[in-house]
Amino acid sequence: DDDQMLSSMPRGYAQHSAHRHAAHIRRKSLLIQQPLAEDDWI
């Protein structure tokens, strides 16, 4: 999920700004999600 991402590299990681996983290093959460409908619960 792309929510909760920093706009720039976190403190201490500026030297990794060109890393292929730089976008993931900027994450504050690393989550996958599944929507659930009312009928799924019932």
PDB file of all heavy atoms in Angstrom:
ATOM      1  N   ASP A   1       0.838  -1.188   0.000  1.00  0.00           N
ATOM      2  CA  ASP A   1       0.000   0.000   0.000  1.00  0.00           C
ATOM      3  C   ASP A   1       0.879   1.246   0.000  1.00  0.00           C
ATOM      4  O   ASP A   1       1.904   1.295   0.678  1.00  0.00           O
ATOM      5  CB  ASP A   1      -0.882  -0.008   1.245  1.00  0.00           C
ATOM      6  CG  ASP A   1      -1.945   1.051   1.209  1.00  0.00           C
ATOM      7  OD1 ASP A   1      -3.016   0.787   0.644  1.00  0.00           O
ATOM      8  OD2 ASP A   1      -1.687   2.147   1.746  1.00  0.00           O
ATOM      9  N   ASP A   2       0.491   2.257  -0.764  1.00  0.00           N
ATOM     10  CA  ASP A   2       1.326   3.446  -0.926  1.00  0.00           C
ATOM     11  C   ASP A   2       1.011   4.571   0.052  1.00  0.00           C
ATOM     12  O   ASP A   2       1.528   5.677  -0.077  1.00  0.00           O
ATOM     13  CB  ASP A   2       1.214   3.981  -2.357  1.00  0.00           C
ATOM     14  CG  ASP A   2       1.962   3.107  -3.348  1.00  0.00           C
ATOM     15  OD1 ASP A   2       2.923   2.432  -2.935  1.00  0.00           O
ATOM     16  OD2 ASP A   2       1.574   3.081  -4.529  1.00  0.00           O
ATOM     17  N   ASP A   3       0.165   4.318   1.033  1.00  0.00           N
ATOM     18  CA  ASP A   3      -0.079   5.325   2.061  1.00  0.00           C
ATOM     19  C   ASP A   3       1.130   5.430   2.980  1.00  0.00           C
ATOM     20  O   ASP A   3       1.960   4.533   3.053  1.00  0.00           O
ATOM     21  CB  ASP A   3      -1.308   4.958   2.898  1.00  0.00           C
ATOM     22  CG  ASP A   3      -2.598   5.126   2.121  1.00  0.00           C
ATOM     23  OD1 ASP A   3      -2.582   5.821   1.084  1.00  0.00           O
ATOM     24  OD2 ASP A   3      -3.619   4.545   2.528  1.00  0.00           O
ATOM     25  N   GLN A   4       1.238   6.529   3.665  1.00  0.00           N
ATOM     26  CA  GLN A   4       2.259   6.751   4.698  1.00  0.00           C
ATOM     27  C   GLN A   4       3.681   6.604   4.151  1.00  0.00           C
ATOM     28  O   GLN A   4       4.457   5.765   4.606  1.00  0.00           O
ATOM     29  CB  GLN A   4       2.048   5.782   5.867  1.00  0.00           C
ATOM     30  CG  GLN A   4       0.736   6.012   6.605  1.00  0.00           C
ATOM     31  CD  GLN A   4       0.689   5.322   7.938  1.00  0.00           C
ATOM     32  OE1 GLN A   4       1.189   4.229   8.105  1.00  0.00           O
ATOM     33  NE2 GLN A   4       0.074   5.960   8.908  1.00  0.00           N
ATOM     34  N   MET A   5       3.990   7.437   3.175  1.00  0.00           N
ATOM     35  CA  MET A   5       5.343   7.480   2.636  1.00  0.00           C
ATOM     36  C   MET A   5       5.935   8.865   2.852  1.00  0.00           C
ATOM     37  O   MET A   5       5.249   9.883   2.710  1.00  0.00           O
ATOM     38  CB  MET A   5       5.349   7.146   1.144  1.00  0.00           C
ATOM     39  CG  MET A   5       4.979   5.704   0.837  1.00  0.00           C
ATOM     40  SD  MET A   5       5.150   5.296  -0.915  1.00  0.00           S
ATOM     41  CE  MET A   5       6.934   5.332  -1.097  1.00  0.00           C
ATOM     42  N   LEU A   6       7.201   8.909   3.230  1.00  0.00           N
ATOM     43  CA  LEU A   6       7.896  10.182   3.365  1.00  0.00           C
ATOM     44  C   LEU A   6       8.132  10.784   1.982  1.00  0.00           C
ATOM     45  O   LEU A   6       8.286  10.068   0.994  1.00  0.00           O
ATOM     46  CB  LEU A   6       9.241   9.975   4.062  1.00  0.00           C
ATOM     47  CG  LEU A   6       9.198   9.421   5.490  1.00  0.00           C
ATOM     48  CD1 LEU A   6      10.608   9.095   5.964  1.00  0.00           C
ATOM     49  CD2 LEU A   6       8.539  10.421   6.432  1.00  0.00           C
ATOM     50  N   SER A   7       8.179  12.105   1.914  1.00  0.00           N
ATOM     51  CA  SER A   7       8.416  12.768   0.635  1.00  0.00           C
ATOM     52  C   SER A   7       9.893  12.774   0.256  1.00  0.00           C
ATOM     53  O   SER A   7      10.248  13.009  -0.901  1.00  0.00           O
ATOM     54  CB  SER A   7       7.888  14.205   0.680  1.00  0.00           C
ATOM     55  OG  SER A   7       8.514  14.934   1.728  1.00  0.00           O
ATOM     56  N   SER A   8      10.761  12.516   1.224  1.00  0.00           N
ATOM     57  CA  SER A   8      12.205  12.464   0.966  1.00  0.00           C
ATOM     58  C   SER A   8      12.812  11.327   1.773  1.00  0.00           C
ATOM     59  O   SER A   8      12.148  10.731   2.623  1.00  0.00           O
ATOM     60  CB  SER A   8      12.872  13.791   1.327  1.00  0.00           C
ATOM     61  OG  SER A   8      12.667  14.100   2.698  1.00  0.00           O
ATOM     62  N   MET A   9      14.064  11.027   1.542  1.00  0.00           N
ATOM     63  CA  MET A   9      14.707   9.932   2.243  1.00  0.00           C
ATOM     64  C   MET A   9      14.772  10.225   3.745  1.00  0.00           C
ATOM     65  O   MET A   9      15.006  11.379   4.152  1.00  0.00           O
ATOM     66  CB  MET A   9      16.118   9.708   1.705  1.00  0.00           C
ATOM     67  CG  MET A   9      16.164   9.238   0.261  1.00  0.00           C
ATOM     68  SD  MET A   9      15.334   7.643  -0.004  1.00  0.00           S
ATOM     69  CE  MET A   9      16.530   6.512   0.741  1.00  0.00           C
ATOM     70  N   PRO A  10      14.567   9.218   4.576  1.00  0.00           N
ATOM     71  CA  PRO A  10      14.624   9.441   6.029  1.00  0.00           C
ATOM     72  C   PRO A  10      16.038   9.777   6.484  1.00  0.00           C
ATOM     73  O   PRO A  10      17.018   9.481   5.787  1.00  0.00           O
ATOM     74  CB  PRO A  10      14.157   8.105   6.602  1.00  0.00           C
ATOM     75  CG  PRO A  10      14.441   7.108   5.529  1.00  0.00           C
ATOM     76  CD  PRO A  10      14.246   7.831   4.239  1.00  0.00           C
ATOM     77  N   ARG A  11      16.131  10.389   7.651  1.00  0.00           N
ATOM     78  CA  ARG A  11      17.428  10.754   8.210  1.00  0.00           C
ATOM     79  C   ARG A  11      18.322   9.510   8.327  1.00  0.00           C
ATOM     80  O   ARG A  11      17.900   8.470   8.821  1.00  0.00           O
ATOM     81  CB  ARG A  11      17.241  11.378   9.581  1.00  0.00           C
ATOM     82  CG  ARG A  11      18.539  11.801  10.259  1.00  0.00           C
ATOM     83  CD  ARG A  11      18.275  12.488  11.580  1.00  0.00           C
ATOM     84  NE  ARG A  11      17.520  13.724  11.418  1.00  0.00           N
ATOM     85  CZ  ARG A  11      17.157  14.520  12.431  1.00  0.00           C
ATOM     86  NH1 ARG A  11      17.493  14.195  13.672  1.00  0.00           N
ATOM     87  NH2 ARG A  11      16.474  15.621  12.198  1.00  0.00           N
ATOM     88  N   GLY A  12      19.546   9.655   7.839  1.00  0.00           N
ATOM     89  CA  GLY A  12      20.496   8.554   7.894  1.00  0.00           C
ATOM     90  C   GLY A  12      20.516   7.697   6.654  1.00  0.00           C
ATOM     91  O   GLY A  12      21.353   6.796   6.536  1.00  0.00           O
ATOM     92  N   TYR A  13      19.613   7.986   5.686  1.00  0.00           N
ATOM     93  CA  TYR A  13      19.529   7.155   4.485  1.00  0.00           C
ATOM     94  C   TYR A  13      19.662   7.970   3.198  1.00  0.00           C
ATOM     95  O   TYR A  13      19.403   7.459   2.115  1.00  0.00           O
ATOM     96  CB  TYR A  13      18.204   6.370   4.468  1.00  0.00           C
ATOM     97  CG  TYR A  13      18.136   5.333   5.561  1.00  0.00           C
ATOM     98  CD1 TYR A  13      17.684   5.683   6.836  1.00  0.00           C
ATOM     99  CD2 TYR A  13      18.562   4.025   5.351  1.00  0.00           C
ATOM    100  CE1 TYR A  13      17.643   4.747   7.864  1.00  0.00           C
ATOM    101  CE2 TYR A  13      18.517   3.081   6.363  1.00  0.00           C
ATOM    102  CZ  TYR A  13      18.062   3.449   7.623  1.00  0.00           C
ATOM    103  OH  TYR A  13      18.027   2.518   8.633  1.00  0.00           O
ATOM    104  N   ALA A  14      20.078   9.223   3.313  1.00  0.00           N
ATOM    105  CA  ALA A  14      20.204  10.077   2.125  1.00  0.00           C
ATOM    106  C   ALA A  14      21.156   9.473   1.101  1.00  0.00           C
ATOM    107  O   ALA A  14      20.963   9.627  -0.117  1.00  0.00           O
ATOM    108  CB  ALA A  14      20.683  11.465   2.521  1.00  0.00           C
ATOM    109  N   GLN A  15      22.184   8.754   1.578  1.00  0.00           N
ATOM    110  CA  GLN A  15      23.161   8.171   0.661  1.00  0.00           C
ATOM    111  C   GLN A  15      22.571   7.039  -0.171  1.00  0.00           C
ATOM    112  O   GLN A  15      23.188   6.570  -1.129  1.00  0.00           O
ATOM    113  CB  GLN A  15      24.387   7.655   1.439  1.00  0.00           C
ATOM    114  CG  GLN A  15      24.160   6.422   2.305  1.00  0.00           C
ATOM    115  CD  GLN A  15      23.664   6.762   3.701  1.00  0.00           C
ATOM    116  OE1 GLN A  15      23.003   7.786   3.899  1.00  0.00           O
ATOM    117  NE2 GLN A  15      23.993   5.906   4.658  1.00  0.00           N
ATOM    118  N   HIS A  16      21.361   6.602   0.184  1.00  0.00           N
ATOM    119  CA  HIS A  16      20.708   5.512  -0.556  1.00  0.00           C
ATOM    120  C   HIS A  16      19.593   6.024  -1.464  1.00  0.00           C
ATOM    121  O   HIS A  16      18.742   5.249  -1.897  1.00  0.00           O
ATOM    122  CB  HIS A  16      20.148   4.477   0.425  1.00  0.00           C
ATOM    123  CG  HIS A  16      21.180   3.864   1.319  1.00  0.00           C
ATOM    124  ND1 HIS A  16      22.230   3.105   0.838  1.00  0.00           N
ATOM    125  CD2 HIS A  16      21.332   3.920   2.680  1.00  0.00           C
ATOM    126  CE1 HIS A  16      22.980   2.692   1.854  1.00  0.00           C
ATOM    127  NE2 HIS A  16      22.461   3.187   2.969  1.00  0.00           N
ATOM    128  N   SER A  17      19.622   7.321  -1.780  1.00  0.00           N
ATOM    129  CA  SER A  17      18.538   7.904  -2.580  1.00  0.00           C
ATOM    130  C   SER A  17      18.459   7.311  -3.984  1.00  0.00           C
ATOM    131  O   SER A  17      17.402   7.366  -4.627  1.00  0.00           O
ATOM    132  CB  SER A  17      18.694   9.424  -2.662  1.00  0.00           C
ATOM    133  OG  SER A  17      19.934   9.761  -3.254  1.00  0.00           O
ATOM    134  N   ALA A  18      19.575   6.753  -4.471  1.00  0.00           N
ATOM    135  CA  ALA A  18      19.579   6.141  -5.806  1.00  0.00           C
ATOM    136  C   ALA A  18      19.386   4.625  -5.744  1.00  0.00           C
ATOM    137  O   ALA A  18      19.414   3.948  -6.779  1.00  0.00           O
ATOM    138  CB  ALA A  18      20.883   6.465  -6.523  1.00  0.00           C
ATOM    139  N   HIS A  19      19.204   4.092  -4.558  1.00  0.00           N
ATOM    140  CA  HIS A  19      18.998   2.651  -4.394  1.00  0.00           C
ATOM    141  C   HIS A  19      17.710   2.230  -5.103  1.00  0.00           C
ATOM    142  O   HIS A  19      16.732   2.983  -5.124  1.00  0.00           O
ATOM    143  CB  HIS A  19      18.900   2.321  -2.902  1.00  0.00           C
ATOM    144  CG  HIS A  19      19.000   0.873  -2.576  1.00  0.00           C
ATOM    145  ND1 HIS A  19      17.972  -0.023  -2.779  1.00  0.00           N
ATOM    146  CD2 HIS A  19      20.024   0.142  -2.050  1.00  0.00           C
ATOM    147  CE1 HIS A  19      18.343  -1.220  -2.390  1.00  0.00           C
ATOM    148  NE2 HIS A  19      19.594  -1.152  -1.940  1.00  0.00           N
ATOM    149  N   ARG A  20      17.698   1.042  -5.677  1.00  0.00           N
ATOM    150  CA  ARG A  20      16.509   0.620  -6.427  1.00  0.00           C
ATOM    151  C   ARG A  20      15.273   0.463  -5.539  1.00  0.00           C
ATOM    152  O   ARG A  20      14.146   0.452  -6.032  1.00  0.00           O
ATOM    153  CB  ARG A  20      16.778  -0.672  -7.195  1.00  0.00           C
ATOM    154  CG  ARG A  20      17.033  -1.933  -6.374  1.00  0.00           C
ATOM    155  CD  ARG A  20      17.246  -3.096  -7.341  1.00  0.00           C
ATOM    156  NE  ARG A  20      17.470  -4.381  -6.721  1.00  0.00           N
ATOM    157  CZ  ARG A  20      18.654  -4.829  -6.330  1.00  0.00           C
ATOM    158  NH1 ARG A  20      19.728  -4.054  -6.465  1.00  0.00           N
ATOM    159  NH2 ARG A  20      18.792  -6.035  -5.802  1.00  0.00           N
ATOM    160  N   HIS A  21      15.503   0.355  -4.222  1.00  0.00           N
ATOM    161  CA  HIS A  21      14.379   0.271  -3.299  1.00  0.00           C
ATOM    162  C   HIS A  21      14.217   1.558  -2.485  1.00  0.00           C
ATOM    163  O   HIS A  21      13.641   1.541  -1.397  1.00  0.00           O
ATOM    164  CB  HIS A  21      14.567  -0.913  -2.344  1.00  0.00           C
ATOM    165  CG  HIS A  21      14.542  -2.244  -3.029  1.00  0.00           C
ATOM    166  ND1 HIS A  21      13.619  -2.563  -3.998  1.00  0.00           N
ATOM    167  CD2 HIS A  21      15.346  -3.347  -2.882  1.00  0.00           C
ATOM    168  CE1 HIS A  21      13.840  -3.801  -4.416  1.00  0.00           C
ATOM    169  NE2 HIS A  21      14.883  -4.293  -3.772  1.00  0.00           N
ATOM    170  N   ALA A  22      14.683   2.666  -3.024  1.00  0.00           N
ATOM    171  CA  ALA A  22      14.614   3.938  -2.295  1.00  0.00           C
ATOM    172  C   ALA A  22      13.177   4.280  -1.891  1.00  0.00           C
ATOM    173  O   ALA A  22      12.929   4.768  -0.786  1.00  0.00           O
ATOM    174  CB  ALA A  22      15.218   5.059  -3.133  1.00  0.00           C
ATOM    175  N   ALA A  23      12.227   4.012  -2.792  1.00  0.00           N
ATOM    176  CA  ALA A  23      10.826   4.326  -2.487  1.00  0.00           C
ATOM    177  C   ALA A  23      10.344   3.516  -1.291  1.00  0.00           C
ATOM    178  O   ALA A  23       9.581   4.011  -0.449  1.00  0.00           O
ATOM    179  CB  ALA A  23       9.945   4.054  -3.694  1.00  0.00           C
ATOM    180  N   HIS A  24      10.792   2.271  -1.180  1.00  0.00           N
ATOM    181  CA  HIS A  24      10.375   1.436  -0.062  1.00  0.00           C
ATOM    182  C   HIS A  24      11.053   1.855   1.238  1.00  0.00           C
ATOM    183  O   HIS A  24      10.469   1.708   2.321  1.00  0.00           O
ATOM    184  CB  HIS A  24      10.658  -0.032  -0.381  1.00  0.00           C
ATOM    185  CG  HIS A  24       9.950  -0.527  -1.605  1.00  0.00           C
ATOM    186  ND1 HIS A  24       8.577  -0.544  -1.698  1.00  0.00           N
ATOM    187  CD2 HIS A  24      10.423  -0.994  -2.788  1.00  0.00           C
ATOM    188  CE1 HIS A  24       8.232  -1.008  -2.891  1.00  0.00           C
ATOM    189  NE2 HIS A  24       9.332  -1.290  -3.566  1.00  0.00           N
ATOM    190  N   ILE A  25      12.257   2.380   1.139  1.00  0.00           N
ATOM    191  CA  ILE A  25      12.953   2.883   2.332  1.00  0.00           C
ATOM    192  C   ILE A  25      12.201   4.091   2.902  1.00  0.00           C
ATOM    193  O   ILE A  25      12.260   4.367   4.100  1.00  0.00           O
ATOM    194  CB  ILE A  25      14.415   3.240   1.984  1.00  0.00           C
ATOM    195  CG1 ILE A  25      15.177   1.969   1.594  1.00  0.00           C
ATOM    196  CG2 ILE A  25      15.121   3.930   3.144  1.00  0.00           C
ATOM    197  CD1 ILE A  25      16.543   2.232   0.984  1.00  0.00           C
ATOM    198  N   ARG A  26      11.479   4.804   2.059  1.00  0.00           N
ATOM    199  CA  ARG A  26      10.720   5.979   2.508  1.00  0.00           C
ATOM    200  C   ARG A  26       9.389   5.618   3.164  1.00  0.00           C
ATOM    201  O   ARG A  26       8.686   6.483   3.686  1.00  0.00           O
ATOM    202  CB  ARG A  26      10.467   6.921   1.328  1.00  0.00           C
ATOM    203  CG  ARG A  26      11.718   7.615   0.819  1.00  0.00           C
ATOM    204  CD  ARG A  26      11.395   8.754  -0.140  1.00  0.00           C
ATOM    205  NE  ARG A  26      10.969   8.311  -1.457  1.00  0.00           N
ATOM    206  CZ  ARG A  26       9.722   8.414  -1.928  1.00  0.00           C
ATOM    207  NH1 ARG A  26       8.760   8.937  -1.163  1.00  0.00           N
ATOM    208  NH2 ARG A  26       9.426   8.001  -3.139  1.00  0.00           N
ATOM    209  N   ARG A  27       9.039   4.366   3.172  1.00  0.00           N
ATOM    210  CA  ARG A  27       7.760   3.962   3.747  1.00  0.00           C
ATOM    211  C   ARG A  27       7.794   4.009   5.277  1.00  0.00           C
ATOM    212  O   ARG A  27       8.791   3.643   5.895  1.00  0.00           O
ATOM    213  CB  ARG A  27       7.392   2.540   3.308  1.00  0.00           C
ATOM    214  CG  ARG A  27       7.138   2.396   1.816  1.00  0.00           C
ATOM    215  CD  ARG A  27       6.719   0.972   1.487  1.00  0.00           C
ATOM    216  NE  ARG A  27       6.546   0.769   0.063  1.00  0.00           N
ATOM    217  CZ  ARG A  27       5.460   1.090  -0.625  1.00  0.00           C
ATOM    218  NH1 ARG A  27       4.428   1.634  -0.002  1.00  0.00           N
ATOM    219  NH2 ARG A  27       5.399   0.863  -1.928  1.00  0.00           N
ATOM    220  N   LYS A  28       6.686   4.445   5.869  1.00  0.00           N
ATOM    221  CA  LYS A  28       6.509   4.349   7.314  1.00  0.00           C
ATOM    222  C   LYS A  28       5.721   3.097   7.684  1.00  0.00           C
ATOM    223  O   LYS A  28       5.734   2.660   8.832  1.00  0.00           O
ATOM    224  CB  LYS A  28       5.804   5.593   7.852  1.00  0.00           C
ATOM    225  CG  LYS A  28       6.627   6.866   7.719  1.00  0.00           C
ATOM    226  CD  LYS A  28       6.006   8.016   8.471  1.00  0.00           C
ATOM    227  CE  LYS A  28       4.735   8.510   7.807  1.00  0.00           C
ATOM    228  NZ  LYS A  28       4.152   9.688   8.517  1.00  0.00           N
ATOM    229  N   SER A  29       5.027   2.532   6.704  1.00  0.00           N
ATOM    230  CA  SER A  29       4.308   1.277   6.855  1.00  0.00           C
ATOM    231  C   SER A  29       4.588   0.422   5.632  1.00  0.00           C
ATOM    232  O   SER A  29       4.724   0.951   4.522  1.00  0.00           O
ATOM    233  CB  SER A  29       2.797   1.505   6.965  1.00  0.00           C
ATOM    234  OG  SER A  29       2.466   2.241   8.114  1.00  0.00           O
ATOM    235  N   LEU A  30       4.678  -0.886   5.837  1.00  0.00           N
ATOM    236  CA  LEU A  30       4.791  -1.828   4.724  1.00  0.00           C
ATOM    237  C   LEU A  30       3.653  -2.817   4.884  1.00  0.00           C
ATOM    238  O   LEU A  30       3.722  -3.745   5.703  1.00  0.00           O
ATOM    239  CB  LEU A  30       6.143  -2.552   4.724  1.00  0.00           C
ATOM    240  CG  LEU A  30       7.372  -1.692   4.382  1.00  0.00           C
ATOM    241  CD1 LEU A  30       7.955  -1.075   5.648  1.00  0.00           C
ATOM    242  CD2 LEU A  30       8.440  -2.526   3.684  1.00  0.00           C
ATOM    243  N   LEU A  31       2.589  -2.606   4.125  1.00  0.00           N
ATOM    244  CA  LEU A  31       1.361  -3.357   4.311  1.00  0.00           C
ATOM    245  C   LEU A  31       0.778  -3.824   2.987  1.00  0.00           C
ATOM    246  O   LEU A  31       0.916  -3.143   1.962  1.00  0.00           O
ATOM    247  CB  LEU A  31       0.303  -2.486   4.994  1.00  0.00           C
ATOM    248  CG  LEU A  31       0.504  -2.041   6.438  1.00  0.00           C
ATOM    249  CD1 LEU A  31      -0.551  -1.003   6.798  1.00  0.00           C
ATOM    250  CD2 LEU A  31       0.412  -3.226   7.389  1.00  0.00           C
ATOM    251  N   ILE A  32       0.106  -4.969   3.031  1.00  0.00           N
ATOM    252  CA  ILE A  32      -0.799  -5.339   1.959  1.00  0.00           C
ATOM    253  C   ILE A  32      -2.195  -5.394   2.565  1.00  0.00           C
ATOM    254  O   ILE A  32      -2.355  -5.692   3.750  1.00  0.00           O
ATOM    255  CB  ILE A  32      -0.418  -6.681   1.294  1.00  0.00           C
ATOM    256  CG1 ILE A  32      -0.443  -7.843   2.305  1.00  0.00           C
ATOM    257  CG2 ILE A  32       0.959  -6.578   0.648  1.00  0.00           C
ATOM    258  CD1 ILE A  32      -0.244  -9.209   1.654  1.00  0.00           C
ATOM    259  N   GLN A  33      -3.204  -5.066   1.758  1.00  0.00           N
ATOM    260  CA  GLN A  33      -4.553  -4.955   2.289  1.00  0.00           C
ATOM    261  C   GLN A  33      -5.544  -5.789   1.489  1.00  0.00           C
ATOM    262  O   GLN A  33      -5.305  -6.136   0.331  1.00  0.00           O
ATOM    263  CB  GLN A  33      -5.004  -3.488   2.295  1.00  0.00           C
ATOM    264  CG  GLN A  33      -4.216  -2.608   3.238  1.00  0.00           C
ATOM    265  CD  GLN A  33      -4.948  -1.330   3.583  1.00  0.00           C
ATOM    266  OE1 GLN A  33      -6.163  -1.317   3.767  1.00  0.00           O
ATOM    267  NE2 GLN A  33      -4.210  -0.239   3.683  1.00  0.00           N
ATOM    268  N   GLN A  34      -6.663  -6.099   2.137  1.00  0.00           N
ATOM    269  CA  GLN A  34      -7.755  -6.849   1.526  1.00  0.00           C
ATOM    270  C   GLN A  34      -9.077  -6.189   1.906  1.00  0.00           C
ATOM    271  O   GLN A  34      -9.442  -6.164   3.085  1.00  0.00           O
ATOM    272  CB  GLN A  34      -7.750  -8.296   2.030  1.00  0.00           C
ATOM    273  CG  GLN A  34      -8.948  -9.129   1.620  1.00  0.00           C
ATOM    274  CD  GLN A  34      -8.948  -9.444   0.141  1.00  0.00           C
ATOM    275  OE1 GLN A  34      -7.936  -9.905  -0.379  1.00  0.00           O
ATOM    276  NE2 GLN A  34     -10.050  -9.205  -0.540  1.00  0.00           N
ATOM    277  N   PRO A  35      -9.799  -5.615   0.937  1.00  0.00           N
ATOM    278  CA  PRO A  35     -11.116  -5.060   1.277  1.00  0.00           C
ATOM    279  C   PRO A  35     -12.093  -6.183   1.605  1.00  0.00           C
ATOM    280  O   PRO A  35     -11.997  -7.288   1.062  1.00  0.00           O
ATOM    281  CB  PRO A  35     -11.523  -4.311   0.002  1.00  0.00           C
ATOM    282  CG  PRO A  35     -10.764  -4.983  -1.095  1.00  0.00           C
ATOM    283  CD  PRO A  35      -9.468  -5.435  -0.487  1.00  0.00           C
ATOM    284  N   LEU A  36     -13.020  -5.899   2.497  1.00  0.00           N
ATOM    285  CA  LEU A  36     -14.008  -6.878   2.910  1.00  0.00           C
ATOM    286  C   LEU A  36     -15.399  -6.261   2.841  1.00  0.00           C
ATOM    287  O   LEU A  36     -15.633  -5.188   3.399  1.00  0.00           O
ATOM    288  CB  LEU A  36     -13.721  -7.358   4.340  1.00  0.00           C
ATOM    289  CG  LEU A  36     -12.381  -8.077   4.545  1.00  0.00           C
ATOM    290  CD1 LEU A  36     -12.065  -8.198   6.033  1.00  0.00           C
ATOM    291  CD2 LEU A  36     -12.399  -9.449   3.889  1.00  0.00           C
ATOM    292  N   ALA A  37     -16.311  -6.928   2.158  1.00  0.00           N
ATOM    293  CA  ALA A  37     -17.688  -6.452   2.027  1.00  0.00           C
ATOM    294  C   ALA A  37     -18.527  -6.960   3.192  1.00  0.00           C
ATOM    295  O   ALA A  37     -18.149  -7.916   3.887  1.00  0.00           O
ATOM    296  CB  ALA A  37     -18.276  -6.930   0.704  1.00  0.00           C
ATOM    297  N   GLU A  38     -19.686  -6.354   3.392  1.00  0.00           N
ATOM    298  CA  GLU A  38     -20.573  -6.819   4.459  1.00  0.00           C
ATOM    299  C   GLU A  38     -20.880  -8.298   4.309  1.00  0.00           C
ATOM    300  O   GLU A  38     -20.887  -9.055   5.282  1.00  0.00           O
ATOM    301  CB  GLU A  38     -21.883  -6.010   4.458  1.00  0.00           C
ATOM    302  CG  GLU A  38     -21.775  -4.633   5.063  1.00  0.00           C
ATOM    303  CD  GLU A  38     -23.139  -4.013   5.339  1.00  0.00           C
ATOM    304  OE1 GLU A  38     -24.154  -4.749   5.336  1.00  0.00           O
ATOM    305  OE2 GLU A  38     -23.196  -2.784   5.570  1.00  0.00           O
ATOM    306  N   ASP A  39     -21.128  -8.740   3.080  1.00  0.00           N
ATOM    307  CA  ASP A  39     -21.495 -10.137   2.870  1.00  0.00           C
ATOM    308  C   ASP A  39     -20.363 -11.092   3.211  1.00  0.00           C
ATOM    309  O   ASP A  39     -20.603 -12.248   3.562  1.00  0.00           O
ATOM    310  CB  ASP A  39     -21.933 -10.352   1.413  1.00  0.00           C
ATOM    311  CG  ASP A  39     -22.507 -11.741   1.193  1.00  0.00           C
ATOM    312  OD1 ASP A  39     -23.511 -12.069   1.855  1.00  0.00           O
ATOM    313  OD2 ASP A  39     -21.928 -12.519   0.397  1.00  0.00           O
ATOM    314  N   ASP A  40     -19.102 -10.630   3.099  1.00  0.00           N
ATOM    315  CA  ASP A  40     -17.983 -11.488   3.481  1.00  0.00           C
ATOM    316  C   ASP A  40     -18.059 -11.854   4.960  1.00  0.00           C
ATOM    317  O   ASP A  40     -17.756 -12.984   5.348  1.00  0.00           O
ATOM    318  CB  ASP A  40     -16.648 -10.783   3.198  1.00  0.00           C
ATOM    319  CG  ASP A  40     -16.380 -10.602   1.724  1.00  0.00           C
ATOM    320  OD1 ASP A  40     -16.786 -11.475   0.930  1.00  0.00           O
ATOM    321  OD2 ASP A  40     -15.759  -9.583   1.354  1.00  0.00           O
ATOM    322  N   TRP A  41     -18.451 -10.889   5.782  1.00  0.00           N
ATOM    323  CA  TRP A  41     -18.577 -11.133   7.221  1.00  0.00           C
ATOM    324  C   TRP A  41     -19.800 -12.000   7.510  1.00  0.00           C
ATOM    325  O   TRP A  41     -19.714 -12.965   8.283  1.00  0.00           O
ATOM    326  CB  TRP A  41     -18.706  -9.818   7.980  1.00  0.00           C
ATOM    327  CG  TRP A  41     -17.547  -8.884   7.824  1.00  0.00           C
ATOM    328  CD1 TRP A  41     -17.400  -7.914   6.871  1.00  0.00           C
ATOM    329  CD2 TRP A  41     -16.371  -8.815   8.647  1.00  0.00           C
ATOM    330  NE1 TRP A  41     -16.199  -7.245   7.056  1.00  0.00           N
ATOM    331  CE2 TRP A  41     -15.551  -7.776   8.132  1.00  0.00           C
ATOM    332  CE3 TRP A  41     -15.940  -9.515   9.769  1.00  0.00           C
ATOM    333  CZ2 TRP A  41     -14.325  -7.433   8.699  1.00  0.00           C
ATOM    334  CZ3 TRP A  41     -14.716  -9.174  10.345  1.00  0.00           C
ATOM    335  CH2 TRP A  41     -13.923  -8.147   9.809  1.00  0.00           C
ATOM    336  N   ILE A  42     -20.928 -11.678   6.889  1.00  0.00           N
ATOM    337  CA  ILE A  42     -22.183 -12.381   7.174  1.00  0.00           C
ATOM    338  C   ILE A  42     -22.127 -13.827   6.685  1.00  0.00           C
ATOM    339  O   ILE A  42     -22.595 -14.742   7.371  1.00  0.00           O
ATOM    340  CB  ILE A  42     -23.368 -11.629   6.540  1.00  0.00           C
ATOM    341  CG1 ILE A  42     -23.526 -10.250   7.206  1.00  0.00           C
ATOM    342  CG2 ILE A  42     -24.658 -12.428   6.669  1.00  0.00           C
ATOM    343  CD1 ILE A  42     -24.519  -9.334   6.501  1.00  0.00           C
TER     344      ILE A  42
END
